[in-house]
N, C-alpha and C. Protein backbone atom coordinates (compact mmCIF):
# COMPACT_ATOMS: atom_id res chain seq x y z
N MET A 1 -75.37 -18.24 -32.51
CA MET A 1 -75.92 -19.37 -33.24
C MET A 1 -76.97 -18.87 -34.24
N LYS A 2 -76.88 -19.34 -35.44
CA LYS A 2 -77.79 -18.91 -36.50
C LYS A 2 -79.14 -19.61 -36.33
N GLN A 3 -80.20 -18.82 -36.41
CA GLN A 3 -81.54 -19.38 -36.23
C GLN A 3 -82.13 -19.78 -37.57
N ALA A 4 -82.88 -20.89 -37.57
CA ALA A 4 -83.52 -21.36 -38.79
C ALA A 4 -84.68 -20.45 -39.15
N PRO A 5 -84.98 -20.32 -40.43
CA PRO A 5 -86.12 -19.50 -40.83
C PRO A 5 -87.41 -20.03 -40.21
N ALA A 6 -88.38 -19.15 -40.04
CA ALA A 6 -89.65 -19.51 -39.40
C ALA A 6 -90.37 -20.64 -40.14
N ASP A 7 -90.21 -20.70 -41.44
CA ASP A 7 -90.92 -21.73 -42.21
C ASP A 7 -90.16 -23.05 -42.30
N ALA A 8 -89.02 -23.16 -41.63
CA ALA A 8 -88.23 -24.39 -41.69
C ALA A 8 -88.99 -25.57 -41.11
N GLU A 9 -89.75 -25.33 -40.04
CA GLU A 9 -90.53 -26.43 -39.45
C GLU A 9 -91.60 -26.90 -40.41
N ALA A 10 -92.17 -25.99 -41.18
CA ALA A 10 -93.21 -26.37 -42.13
C ALA A 10 -92.63 -27.22 -43.26
N LEU A 11 -91.35 -27.06 -43.55
CA LEU A 11 -90.72 -27.82 -44.63
C LEU A 11 -90.31 -29.22 -44.21
N TRP A 12 -90.09 -29.42 -42.90
CA TRP A 12 -89.66 -30.73 -42.42
C TRP A 12 -90.84 -31.69 -42.38
N ARG A 13 -90.67 -32.82 -42.98
CA ARG A 13 -91.70 -33.85 -42.98
C ARG A 13 -91.07 -35.16 -42.52
N PRO A 14 -91.64 -35.80 -41.51
CA PRO A 14 -91.07 -37.08 -41.08
C PRO A 14 -91.32 -38.15 -42.14
N ASP A 15 -90.43 -39.11 -42.20
CA ASP A 15 -90.59 -40.26 -43.09
C ASP A 15 -91.61 -41.19 -42.43
N MET A 16 -92.83 -41.16 -42.91
CA MET A 16 -93.91 -41.91 -42.26
C MET A 16 -93.72 -43.42 -42.33
N LEU A 17 -92.86 -43.89 -43.22
CA LEU A 17 -92.60 -45.33 -43.31
C LEU A 17 -91.37 -45.75 -42.52
N ASP A 18 -90.70 -44.80 -41.91
CA ASP A 18 -89.56 -45.12 -41.04
C ASP A 18 -90.08 -45.95 -39.88
N PRO A 19 -89.47 -47.09 -39.59
CA PRO A 19 -89.97 -47.97 -38.53
C PRO A 19 -90.12 -47.27 -37.17
N VAL A 20 -89.20 -46.37 -36.84
CA VAL A 20 -89.27 -45.67 -35.55
C VAL A 20 -90.47 -44.71 -35.54
N VAL A 21 -90.65 -43.97 -36.62
CA VAL A 21 -91.77 -43.02 -36.71
C VAL A 21 -93.09 -43.78 -36.70
N LEU A 22 -93.18 -44.83 -37.49
CA LEU A 22 -94.40 -45.62 -37.57
C LEU A 22 -94.73 -46.25 -36.22
N SER A 23 -93.74 -46.79 -35.56
CA SER A 23 -93.95 -47.40 -34.25
C SER A 23 -94.45 -46.37 -33.24
N ALA A 24 -93.86 -45.18 -33.25
CA ALA A 24 -94.29 -44.12 -32.33
C ALA A 24 -95.72 -43.69 -32.63
N LEU A 25 -96.06 -43.60 -33.89
CA LEU A 25 -97.43 -43.22 -34.26
C LEU A 25 -98.44 -44.26 -33.76
N ILE A 26 -98.13 -45.52 -33.98
CA ILE A 26 -99.04 -46.60 -33.58
C ILE A 26 -99.14 -46.69 -32.06
N ASP A 27 -97.99 -46.58 -31.38
CA ASP A 27 -97.98 -46.68 -29.92
C ASP A 27 -98.79 -45.57 -29.26
N ASN A 28 -98.87 -44.42 -29.89
CA ASN A 28 -99.56 -43.27 -29.30
C ASN A 28 -100.92 -42.99 -29.94
N ASP A 29 -101.45 -43.94 -30.66
CA ASP A 29 -102.72 -43.76 -31.37
C ASP A 29 -103.83 -44.51 -30.62
N GLU A 30 -104.52 -43.80 -29.75
CA GLU A 30 -105.58 -44.44 -28.95
C GLU A 30 -106.80 -44.79 -29.78
N SER A 31 -107.05 -44.08 -30.86
CA SER A 31 -108.25 -44.33 -31.66
C SER A 31 -108.04 -45.40 -32.73
N LEU A 32 -106.80 -45.85 -32.89
CA LEU A 32 -106.43 -46.84 -33.92
C LEU A 32 -106.62 -46.31 -35.34
N GLY A 33 -106.67 -45.00 -35.48
CA GLY A 33 -106.82 -44.38 -36.80
C GLY A 33 -105.65 -44.65 -37.71
N VAL A 34 -104.44 -44.67 -37.14
CA VAL A 34 -103.25 -44.93 -37.94
C VAL A 34 -103.32 -46.34 -38.52
N LEU A 35 -103.70 -47.31 -37.70
CA LEU A 35 -103.81 -48.68 -38.19
C LEU A 35 -104.90 -48.80 -39.25
N ASP A 36 -106.00 -48.09 -39.07
CA ASP A 36 -107.07 -48.08 -40.07
C ASP A 36 -106.55 -47.55 -41.40
N GLU A 37 -105.82 -46.44 -41.34
CA GLU A 37 -105.27 -45.85 -42.57
C GLU A 37 -104.25 -46.78 -43.22
N LEU A 38 -103.41 -47.42 -42.41
CA LEU A 38 -102.43 -48.35 -42.96
C LEU A 38 -103.11 -49.54 -43.64
N THR A 39 -104.22 -49.98 -43.07
CA THR A 39 -104.97 -51.10 -43.66
C THR A 39 -105.51 -50.71 -45.04
N VAL A 40 -106.01 -49.49 -45.15
CA VAL A 40 -106.54 -49.00 -46.44
C VAL A 40 -105.40 -48.90 -47.46
N VAL A 41 -104.27 -48.35 -47.03
CA VAL A 41 -103.12 -48.21 -47.94
C VAL A 41 -102.63 -49.58 -48.37
N ARG A 42 -102.53 -50.51 -47.43
CA ARG A 42 -102.04 -51.85 -47.76
C ARG A 42 -102.98 -52.54 -48.76
N ALA A 43 -104.28 -52.43 -48.53
CA ALA A 43 -105.24 -53.06 -49.45
C ALA A 43 -105.13 -52.45 -50.84
N SER A 44 -104.95 -51.14 -50.91
CA SER A 44 -104.80 -50.49 -52.21
C SER A 44 -103.54 -50.94 -52.93
N LEU A 45 -102.44 -51.03 -52.17
CA LEU A 45 -101.19 -51.48 -52.77
C LEU A 45 -101.28 -52.93 -53.23
N GLU A 46 -101.90 -53.79 -52.42
CA GLU A 46 -102.03 -55.19 -52.80
C GLU A 46 -102.86 -55.34 -54.07
N ALA A 47 -103.93 -54.56 -54.18
CA ALA A 47 -104.76 -54.61 -55.38
C ALA A 47 -103.99 -54.14 -56.60
N ALA A 48 -103.22 -53.07 -56.44
CA ALA A 48 -102.43 -52.55 -57.55
C ALA A 48 -101.36 -53.56 -57.97
N MET A 49 -100.70 -54.18 -57.00
CA MET A 49 -99.66 -55.16 -57.32
C MET A 49 -100.26 -56.40 -57.98
N ALA A 50 -101.43 -56.82 -57.54
CA ALA A 50 -102.08 -57.97 -58.16
C ALA A 50 -102.44 -57.67 -59.61
N GLY A 51 -102.90 -56.45 -59.85
CA GLY A 51 -103.21 -56.04 -61.22
C GLY A 51 -101.99 -56.03 -62.10
N LEU A 52 -100.87 -55.56 -61.55
CA LEU A 52 -99.62 -55.57 -62.32
C LEU A 52 -99.13 -56.98 -62.56
N ALA A 53 -99.29 -57.84 -61.58
CA ALA A 53 -98.84 -59.22 -61.71
C ALA A 53 -99.63 -59.95 -62.80
N ASP A 54 -100.90 -59.59 -62.96
CA ASP A 54 -101.72 -60.23 -63.99
C ASP A 54 -101.19 -59.91 -65.39
N HIS A 55 -100.57 -58.75 -65.53
CA HIS A 55 -100.10 -58.32 -66.84
C HIS A 55 -98.60 -58.50 -67.04
N ALA A 56 -97.90 -58.93 -66.00
CA ALA A 56 -96.45 -59.09 -66.09
C ALA A 56 -96.10 -60.44 -66.69
N GLU A 57 -94.99 -60.49 -67.36
CA GLU A 57 -94.51 -61.76 -67.89
C GLU A 57 -93.90 -62.56 -66.74
N PRO A 58 -94.21 -63.83 -66.65
CA PRO A 58 -93.67 -64.64 -65.56
C PRO A 58 -92.15 -64.71 -65.61
N ALA A 59 -91.55 -64.85 -64.47
CA ALA A 59 -90.10 -65.01 -64.38
C ALA A 59 -89.72 -66.38 -64.92
N ALA A 60 -88.45 -66.58 -65.15
CA ALA A 60 -87.97 -67.85 -65.74
C ALA A 60 -88.35 -69.04 -64.88
N GLU A 61 -88.26 -68.87 -63.54
CA GLU A 61 -88.62 -70.00 -62.67
C GLU A 61 -90.11 -70.34 -62.79
N ALA A 62 -90.95 -69.32 -62.88
CA ALA A 62 -92.39 -69.55 -63.01
C ALA A 62 -92.70 -70.23 -64.34
N ARG A 63 -92.02 -69.79 -65.41
CA ARG A 63 -92.24 -70.43 -66.72
C ARG A 63 -91.84 -71.89 -66.68
N ALA A 64 -90.74 -72.18 -65.99
CA ALA A 64 -90.28 -73.56 -65.89
C ALA A 64 -91.29 -74.42 -65.13
N LEU A 65 -91.86 -73.85 -64.06
CA LEU A 65 -92.86 -74.59 -63.30
C LEU A 65 -94.14 -74.79 -64.11
N LEU A 66 -94.54 -73.75 -64.84
CA LEU A 66 -95.77 -73.84 -65.62
C LEU A 66 -95.63 -74.71 -66.86
N ALA A 67 -94.43 -74.88 -67.34
CA ALA A 67 -94.21 -75.66 -68.55
C ALA A 67 -94.70 -77.11 -68.39
N GLY A 68 -94.55 -77.64 -67.20
CA GLY A 68 -94.99 -79.00 -66.95
C GLY A 68 -96.50 -79.14 -66.87
N SER A 69 -97.21 -78.06 -66.65
CA SER A 69 -98.67 -78.16 -66.52
C SER A 69 -99.39 -77.71 -67.79
N GLY A 70 -98.63 -77.42 -68.84
CA GLY A 70 -99.24 -76.98 -70.10
C GLY A 70 -99.76 -78.15 -70.91
N PRO A 71 -100.06 -77.91 -72.16
CA PRO A 71 -100.56 -79.00 -73.02
C PRO A 71 -99.51 -80.10 -73.16
N ALA A 72 -99.98 -81.30 -73.37
CA ALA A 72 -99.07 -82.45 -73.49
C ALA A 72 -98.15 -82.24 -74.68
N ARG A 73 -96.90 -82.58 -74.49
CA ARG A 73 -95.91 -82.45 -75.55
C ARG A 73 -95.61 -83.83 -76.11
N PRO A 74 -95.39 -83.91 -77.38
CA PRO A 74 -95.04 -85.22 -77.95
C PRO A 74 -93.66 -85.65 -77.43
N ARG A 75 -93.53 -86.95 -77.19
CA ARG A 75 -92.27 -87.48 -76.69
C ARG A 75 -91.31 -87.69 -77.85
N ARG A 76 -90.04 -87.43 -77.57
CA ARG A 76 -89.02 -87.70 -78.60
C ARG A 76 -88.67 -89.18 -78.52
N GLY A 77 -88.40 -89.71 -79.62
CA GLY A 77 -88.01 -91.09 -79.48
C GLY A 77 -87.86 -91.79 -80.69
């Protein structure tokens, strides 16, 4: 059987967002450090997404909803 190079273990990185890996990390984290780190990451992502949303053009459905709350339009008639 062919043996893997010594540095092969150093190259392998678990997918930290994989539900199984994440669950195992949280289940075995007595200090709650993983949850603390996830909270920081989540807050950073939410802030970044909110910033992007402020500069994004609204979707068609949002424009349709907002159209009714804009300035009064003259009635046709």
